[in-house]
Amino acid sequence: MAVPKKRTSASKKRIRKNFWKRKGYWAALKAFSLGKSLSTGTSKSFVYATLSPATSKGFGYAPNKDKQNKN
């Protein structure tokens, strides 16, 4: 296993830590921006299927309308 020869300076450690935090910040900002554009419907670069709540049945039971009309 590789072992460092000398101790990393505090400034170098701080620089690396801030760079790591900055990458996370930009990833979160992009994800929030994409979610916002999808929820408002202004997304132009992201293709997705939309289902209205009336047509979406999910996993629940939906009775057949033909059977109800015969009775």
PDB file of N, CA and C in Angstrom:
ATOM      1  N   MET A   1       0.837  -1.178   0.000  1.00  0.00           N
ATOM      2  CA  MET A   1       0.000   0.000   0.000  1.00  0.00           C
ATOM      3  C   MET A   1       0.883   1.243   0.000  1.00  0.00           C
ATOM      4  N   ALA A   2       0.494   2.247  -0.779  1.00  0.00           N
ATOM      5  CA  ALA A   2       1.280   3.478  -0.880  1.00  0.00           C
ATOM      6  C   ALA A   2       1.125   4.310   0.391  1.00  0.00           C
ATOM      7  N   VAL A   3       2.260   4.834   0.832  1.00  0.00           N
ATOM      8  CA  VAL A   3       2.275   5.666   2.036  1.00  0.00           C
ATOM      9  C   VAL A   3       2.902   7.009   1.679  1.00  0.00           C
ATOM     10  N   PRO A   4       2.251   8.140   2.027  1.00  0.00           N
ATOM     11  CA  PRO A   4       2.850   9.441   1.716  1.00  0.00           C
ATOM     12  C   PRO A   4       4.134   9.658   2.510  1.00  0.00           C
ATOM     13  N   LYS A   5       5.119  10.286   1.861  1.00  0.00           N
ATOM     14  CA  LYS A   5       6.409  10.491   2.514  1.00  0.00           C
ATOM     15  C   LYS A   5       6.379  11.659   3.486  1.00  0.00           C
ATOM     16  N   LYS A   6       5.636  12.707   3.124  1.00  0.00           N
ATOM     17  CA  LYS A   6       5.600  13.879   3.990  1.00  0.00           C
ATOM     18  C   LYS A   6       4.160  14.287   4.244  1.00  0.00           C
ATOM     19  N   ARG A   7       3.993  15.065   5.272  1.00  0.00           N
ATOM     20  CA  ARG A   7       2.672  15.553   5.640  1.00  0.00           C
ATOM     21  C   ARG A   7       2.208  16.608   4.641  1.00  0.00           C
ATOM     22  N   THR A   8       0.917  16.545   4.262  1.00  0.00           N
ATOM     23  CA  THR A   8       0.347  17.537   3.358  1.00  0.00           C
ATOM     24  C   THR A   8       0.120  18.832   4.125  1.00  0.00           C
ATOM     25  N   SER A   9       0.511  19.947   3.520  1.00  0.00           N
ATOM     26  CA  SER A   9       0.358  21.235   4.197  1.00  0.00           C
ATOM     27  C   SER A   9      -1.121  21.586   4.349  1.00  0.00           C
ATOM     28  N   ALA A  10      -1.396  22.439   5.317  1.00  0.00           N
ATOM     29  CA  ALA A  10      -2.780  22.828   5.594  1.00  0.00           C
ATOM     30  C   ALA A  10      -3.384  23.575   4.415  1.00  0.00           C
ATOM     31  N   SER A  11      -2.590  24.423   3.755  1.00  0.00           N
ATOM     32  CA  SER A  11      -3.130  25.193   2.626  1.00  0.00           C
ATOM     33  C   SER A  11      -3.474  24.275   1.450  1.00  0.00           C
ATOM     34  N   LYS A  12      -2.620  23.295   1.186  1.00  0.00           N
ATOM     35  CA  LYS A  12      -2.894  22.362   0.090  1.00  0.00           C
ATOM     36  C   LYS A  12      -4.134  21.523   0.410  1.00  0.00           C
ATOM     37  N   LYS A  13      -4.260  21.117   1.668  1.00  0.00           N
ATOM     38  CA  LYS A  13      -5.421  20.343   2.087  1.00  0.00           C
ATOM     39  C   LYS A  13      -6.697  21.177   1.941  1.00  0.00           C
ATOM     40  N   ARG A  14      -6.630  22.450   2.317  1.00  0.00           N
ATOM     41  CA  ARG A  14      -7.775  23.349   2.218  1.00  0.00           C
ATOM     42  C   ARG A  14      -8.184  23.576   0.762  1.00  0.00           C
ATOM     43  N   ILE A  15      -7.192  23.735  -0.120  1.00  0.00           N
ATOM     44  CA  ILE A  15      -7.468  23.932  -1.546  1.00  0.00           C
ATOM     45  C   ILE A  15      -8.185  22.718  -2.121  1.00  0.00           C
ATOM     46  N   ARG A  16      -7.692  21.528  -1.811  1.00  0.00           N
ATOM     47  CA  ARG A  16      -8.315  20.301  -2.323  1.00  0.00           C
ATOM     48  C   ARG A  16      -9.729  20.123  -1.782  1.00  0.00           C
ATOM     49  N   LYS A  17      -9.911  20.436  -0.511  1.00  0.00           N
ATOM     50  CA  LYS A  17     -11.222  20.295   0.113  1.00  0.00           C
ATOM     51  C   LYS A  17     -12.227  21.261  -0.511  1.00  0.00           C
ATOM     52  N   ASN A  18     -11.805  22.506  -0.750  1.00  0.00           N
ATOM     53  CA  ASN A  18     -12.697  23.493  -1.352  1.00  0.00           C
ATOM     54  C   ASN A  18     -13.041  23.130  -2.788  1.00  0.00           C
ATOM     55  N   PHE A  19     -12.084  22.571  -3.518  1.00  0.00           N
ATOM     56  CA  PHE A  19     -12.353  22.145  -4.885  1.00  0.00           C
ATOM     57  C   PHE A  19     -13.378  21.017  -4.885  1.00  0.00           C
ATOM     58  N   TRP A  20     -13.250  20.098  -3.940  1.00  0.00           N
ATOM     59  CA  TRP A  20     -14.182  18.983  -3.818  1.00  0.00           C
ATOM     60  C   TRP A  20     -15.587  19.490  -3.473  1.00  0.00           C
ATOM     61  N   LYS A  21     -15.668  20.471  -2.567  1.00  0.00           N
ATOM     62  CA  LYS A  21     -16.958  21.053  -2.199  1.00  0.00           C
ATOM     63  C   LYS A  21     -17.583  21.798  -3.371  1.00  0.00           C
ATOM     64  N   ARG A  22     -16.762  22.500  -4.153  1.00  0.00           N
ATOM     65  CA  ARG A  22     -17.251  23.277  -5.285  1.00  0.00           C
ATOM     66  C   ARG A  22     -17.872  22.368  -6.344  1.00  0.00           C
ATOM     67  N   LYS A  23     -17.267  21.190  -6.560  1.00  0.00           N
ATOM     68  CA  LYS A  23     -17.828  20.244  -7.526  1.00  0.00           C
ATOM     69  C   LYS A  23     -19.226  19.803  -7.095  1.00  0.00           C
ATOM     70  N   GLY A  24     -19.404  19.552  -5.816  1.00  0.00           N
ATOM     71  CA  GLY A  24     -20.712  19.169  -5.296  1.00  0.00           C
ATOM     72  C   GLY A  24     -21.725  20.288  -5.412  1.00  0.00           C
ATOM     73  N   TYR A  25     -21.280  21.519  -5.194  1.00  0.00           N
ATOM     74  CA  TYR A  25     -22.168  22.678  -5.295  1.00  0.00           C
ATOM     75  C   TYR A  25     -22.706  22.823  -6.712  1.00  0.00           C
ATOM     76  N   TRP A  26     -21.823  22.711  -7.712  1.00  0.00           N
ATOM     77  CA  TRP A  26     -22.263  22.868  -9.100  1.00  0.00           C
ATOM     78  C   TRP A  26     -23.170  21.726  -9.538  1.00  0.00           C
ATOM     79  N   ALA A  27     -22.899  20.513  -9.062  1.00  0.00           N
ATOM     80  CA  ALA A  27     -23.763  19.377  -9.390  1.00  0.00           C
ATOM     81  C   ALA A  27     -25.157  19.580  -8.803  1.00  0.00           C
ATOM     82  N   ALA A  28     -25.225  20.071  -7.562  1.00  0.00           N
ATOM     83  CA  ALA A  28     -26.516  20.325  -6.925  1.00  0.00           C
ATOM     84  C   ALA A  28     -27.256  21.452  -7.628  1.00  0.00           C
ATOM     85  N   LEU A  29     -26.536  22.482  -8.049  1.00  0.00           N
ATOM     86  CA  LEU A  29     -27.149  23.611  -8.747  1.00  0.00           C
ATOM     87  C   LEU A  29     -27.748  23.174 -10.081  1.00  0.00           C
ATOM     88  N   LYS A  30     -27.020  22.332 -10.818  1.00  0.00           N
ATOM     89  CA  LYS A  30     -27.533  21.830 -12.097  1.00  0.00           C
ATOM     90  C   LYS A  30     -28.763  20.948 -11.885  1.00  0.00           C
ATOM     91  N   ALA A  31     -28.730  20.093 -10.870  1.00  0.00           N
ATOM     92  CA  ALA A  31     -29.863  19.215 -10.591  1.00  0.00           C
ATOM     93  C   ALA A  31     -31.093  20.028 -10.203  1.00  0.00           C
ATOM     94  N   PHE A  32     -30.899  21.059  -9.393  1.00  0.00           N
ATOM     95  CA  PHE A  32     -32.012  21.916  -8.982  1.00  0.00           C
ATOM     96  C   PHE A  32     -32.584  22.663 -10.176  1.00  0.00           C
ATOM     97  N   SER A  33     -31.706  23.156 -11.042  1.00  0.00           N
ATOM     98  CA  SER A  33     -32.142  23.887 -12.227  1.00  0.00           C
ATOM     99  C   SER A  33     -32.943  22.984 -13.160  1.00  0.00           C
ATOM    100  N   LEU A  34     -32.478  21.748 -13.356  1.00  0.00           N
ATOM    101  CA  LEU A  34     -33.190  20.801 -14.212  1.00  0.00           C
ATOM    102  C   LEU A  34     -34.548  20.455 -13.614  1.00  0.00           C
ATOM    103  N   GLY A  35     -34.588  20.213 -12.310  1.00  0.00           N
ATOM    104  CA  GLY A  35     -35.861  19.917 -11.649  1.00  0.00           C
ATOM    105  C   GLY A  35     -36.838  21.069 -11.746  1.00  0.00           C
ATOM    106  N   LYS A  36     -36.330  22.281 -11.609  1.00  0.00           N
ATOM    107  CA  LYS A  36     -37.179  23.471 -11.705  1.00  0.00           C
ATOM    108  C   LYS A  36     -37.749  23.613 -13.112  1.00  0.00           C
ATOM    109  N   SER A  37     -36.919  23.407 -14.136  1.00  0.00           N
ATOM    110  CA  SER A  37     -37.394  23.547 -15.511  1.00  0.00           C
ATOM    111  C   SER A  37     -38.388  22.448 -15.871  1.00  0.00           C
ATOM    112  N   LEU A  38     -38.196  21.244 -15.320  1.00  0.00           N
ATOM    113  CA  LEU A  38     -39.143  20.156 -15.578  1.00  0.00           C
ATOM    114  C   LEU A  38     -40.483  20.421 -14.901  1.00  0.00           C
ATOM    115  N   SER A  39     -40.441  20.959 -13.685  1.00  0.00           N
ATOM    116  CA  SER A  39     -41.690  21.190 -12.960  1.00  0.00           C
ATOM    117  C   SER A  39     -42.481  22.353 -13.541  1.00  0.00           C
ATOM    118  N   THR A  40     -41.794  23.343 -14.112  1.00  0.00           N
ATOM    119  CA  THR A  40     -42.503  24.479 -14.698  1.00  0.00           C
ATOM    120  C   THR A  40     -42.865  24.242 -16.151  1.00  0.00           C
ATOM    121  N   GLY A  41     -42.272  23.215 -16.770  1.00  0.00           N
ATOM    122  CA  GLY A  41     -42.583  22.904 -18.161  1.00  0.00           C
ATOM    123  C   GLY A  41     -41.806  23.727 -19.161  1.00  0.00           C
ATOM    124  N   THR A  42     -40.715  24.356 -18.743  1.00  0.00           N
ATOM    125  CA  THR A  42     -39.921  25.180 -19.656  1.00  0.00           C
ATOM    126  C   THR A  42     -38.675  24.468 -20.154  1.00  0.00           C
ATOM    127  N   SER A  43     -38.582  23.173 -19.923  1.00  0.00           N
ATOM    128  CA  SER A  43     -37.407  22.423 -20.346  1.00  0.00           C
ATOM    129  C   SER A  43     -37.409  22.251 -21.857  1.00  0.00           C
ATOM    130  N   LYS A  44     -36.283  22.582 -22.500  1.00  0.00           N
ATOM    131  CA  LYS A  44     -36.160  22.445 -23.948  1.00  0.00           C
ATOM    132  C   LYS A  44     -35.170  21.355 -24.332  1.00  0.00           C
ATOM    133  N   SER A  45     -34.342  20.924 -23.408  1.00  0.00           N
ATOM    134  CA  SER A  45     -33.298  19.962 -23.739  1.00  0.00           C
ATOM    135  C   SER A  45     -33.504  18.609 -23.065  1.00  0.00           C
ATOM    136  N   PHE A  46     -34.650  18.403 -22.461  1.00  0.00           N
ATOM    137  CA  PHE A  46     -34.893  17.166 -21.729  1.00  0.00           C
ATOM    138  C   PHE A  46     -36.229  16.607 -22.189  1.00  0.00           C
ATOM    139  N   VAL A  47     -36.226  15.390 -22.732  1.00  0.00           N
ATOM    140  CA  VAL A  47     -37.443  14.787 -23.269  1.00  0.00           C
ATOM    141  C   VAL A  47     -37.989  13.801 -22.247  1.00  0.00           C
ATOM    142  N   TYR A  48     -39.271  13.915 -21.944  1.00  0.00           N
ATOM    143  CA  TYR A  48     -39.903  13.005 -21.003  1.00  0.00           C
ATOM    144  C   TYR A  48     -41.383  12.891 -21.338  1.00  0.00           C
ATOM    145  N   ALA A  49     -41.998  11.796 -20.929  1.00  0.00           N
ATOM    146  CA  ALA A  49     -43.419  11.566 -21.191  1.00  0.00           C
ATOM    147  C   ALA A  49     -44.231  12.128 -20.041  1.00  0.00           C
ATOM    148  N   THR A  50     -45.305  12.814 -20.362  1.00  0.00           N
ATOM    149  CA  THR A  50     -46.180  13.350 -19.324  1.00  0.00           C
ATOM    150  C   THR A  50     -47.485  12.575 -19.330  1.00  0.00           C
ATOM    151  N   LEU A  51     -47.971  12.251 -18.161  1.00  0.00           N
ATOM    152  CA  LEU A  51     -49.244  11.561 -17.999  1.00  0.00           C
ATOM    153  C   LEU A  51     -50.147  12.431 -17.147  1.00  0.00           C
ATOM    154  N   SER A  52     -51.358  12.623 -17.596  1.00  0.00           N
ATOM    155  CA  SER A  52     -52.296  13.390 -16.786  1.00  0.00           C
ATOM    156  C   SER A  52     -52.783  12.498 -15.647  1.00  0.00           C
ATOM    157  N   PRO A  53     -53.160  13.070 -14.517  1.00  0.00           N
ATOM    158  CA  PRO A  53     -53.611  12.254 -13.383  1.00  0.00           C
ATOM    159  C   PRO A  53     -54.843  11.412 -13.706  1.00  0.00           C
ATOM    160  N   ALA A  54     -55.687  11.845 -14.647  1.00  0.00           N
ATOM    161  CA  ALA A  54     -56.898  11.094 -14.974  1.00  0.00           C
ATOM    162  C   ALA A  54     -56.576   9.798 -15.716  1.00  0.00           C
ATOM    163  N   THR A  55     -55.543   9.801 -16.566  1.00  0.00           N
ATOM    164  CA  THR A  55     -55.222   8.606 -17.335  1.00  0.00           C
ATOM    165  C   THR A  55     -54.280   7.671 -16.594  1.00  0.00           C
ATOM    166  N   SER A  56     -53.565   8.173 -15.619  1.00  0.00           N
ATOM    167  CA  SER A  56     -52.617   7.353 -14.890  1.00  0.00           C
ATOM    168  C   SER A  56     -53.362   6.502 -13.863  1.00  0.00           C
ATOM    169  N   LYS A  57     -53.210   5.177 -13.952  1.00  0.00           N
ATOM    170  CA  LYS A  57     -53.900   4.282 -13.032  1.00  0.00           C
ATOM    171  C   LYS A  57     -52.983   3.772 -11.928  1.00  0.00           C
ATOM    172  N   GLY A  58     -51.680   3.827 -12.140  1.00  0.00           N
ATOM    173  CA  GLY A  58     -50.760   3.348 -11.131  1.00  0.00           C
ATOM    174  C   GLY A  58     -50.899   1.855 -10.926  1.00  0.00           C
ATOM    175  N   PHE A  59     -50.840   1.404  -9.684  1.00  0.00           N
ATOM    176  CA  PHE A  59     -50.954  -0.010  -9.376  1.00  0.00           C
ATOM    177  C   PHE A  59     -52.336  -0.362  -8.836  1.00  0.00           C
ATOM    178  N   GLY A  60     -53.220   0.588  -8.760  1.00  0.00           N
ATOM    179  CA  GLY A  60     -54.548   0.346  -8.207  1.00  0.00           C
ATOM    180  C   GLY A  60     -55.454  -0.384  -9.174  1.00  0.00           C
ATOM    181  N   TYR A  61     -56.599  -0.839  -8.686  1.00  0.00           N
ATOM    182  CA  TYR A  61     -57.578  -1.562  -9.488  1.00  0.00           C
ATOM    183  C   TYR A  61     -58.483  -0.554 -10.177  1.00  0.00           C
ATOM    184  N   ALA A  62     -58.640  -0.689 -11.476  1.00  0.00           N
ATOM    185  CA  ALA A  62     -59.538   0.166 -12.242  1.00  0.00           C
ATOM    186  C   ALA A  62     -60.591  -0.727 -12.885  1.00  0.00           C
ATOM    187  N   PRO A  63     -61.850  -0.656 -12.456  1.00  0.00           N
ATOM    188  CA  PRO A  63     -62.885  -1.523 -13.019  1.00  0.00           C
ATOM    189  C   PRO A  63     -63.134  -1.192 -14.483  1.00  0.00           C
ATOM    190  N   ASN A  64     -63.520  -2.217 -15.237  1.00  0.00           N
ATOM    191  CA  ASN A  64     -63.793  -2.065 -16.658  1.00  0.00           C
ATOM    192  C   ASN A  64     -65.122  -1.327 -16.836  1.00  0.00           C
ATOM    193  N   LYS A  65     -65.151  -0.283 -17.657  1.00  0.00           N
ATOM    194  CA  LYS A  65     -66.356   0.523 -17.834  1.00  0.00           C
ATOM    195  C   LYS A  65     -67.442  -0.238 -18.587  1.00  0.00           C
ATOM    196  N   ASP A  66     -67.083  -1.187 -19.458  1.00  0.00           N
ATOM    197  CA  ASP A  66     -68.063  -1.961 -20.212  1.00  0.00           C
ATOM    198  C   ASP A  66     -68.925  -2.814 -19.282  1.00  0.00           C
ATOM    199  N   LYS A  67     -68.326  -3.398 -18.265  1.00  0.00           N
ATOM    200  CA  LYS A  67     -69.069  -4.235 -17.324  1.00  0.00           C
ATOM    201  C   LYS A  67     -70.059  -3.401 -16.516  1.00  0.00           C
ATOM    202  N   GLN A  68     -69.701  -2.174 -16.183  1.00  0.00           N
ATOM    203  CA  GLN A  68     -70.586  -1.316 -15.408  1.00  0.00           C
ATOM    204  C   GLN A  68     -71.800  -0.898 -16.233  1.00  0.00           C
ATOM    205  N   ASN A  69     -71.634  -0.682 -17.520  1.00  0.00           N
ATOM    206  CA  ASN A  69     -72.733  -0.241 -18.369  1.00  0.00           C
ATOM    207  C   ASN A  69     -73.763  -1.348 -18.614  1.00  0.00           C
ATOM    208  N   LYS A  70     -73.368  -2.614 -18.599  1.00  0.00           N
ATOM    209  CA  LYS A  70     -74.276  -3.733 -18.854  1.00  0.00           C
ATOM    210  C   LYS A  70     -75.228  -3.957 -17.687  1.00  0.00           C
ATOM    211  N   ASN A  71     -74.813  -3.651 -16.479  1.00  0.00           N
ATOM    212  CA  ASN A  71     -75.639  -3.910 -15.292  1.00  0.00           C
ATOM    213  C   ASN A  71     -76.709  -2.920 -15.136  1.00  0.00           C
TER     214      ASN A  71
END
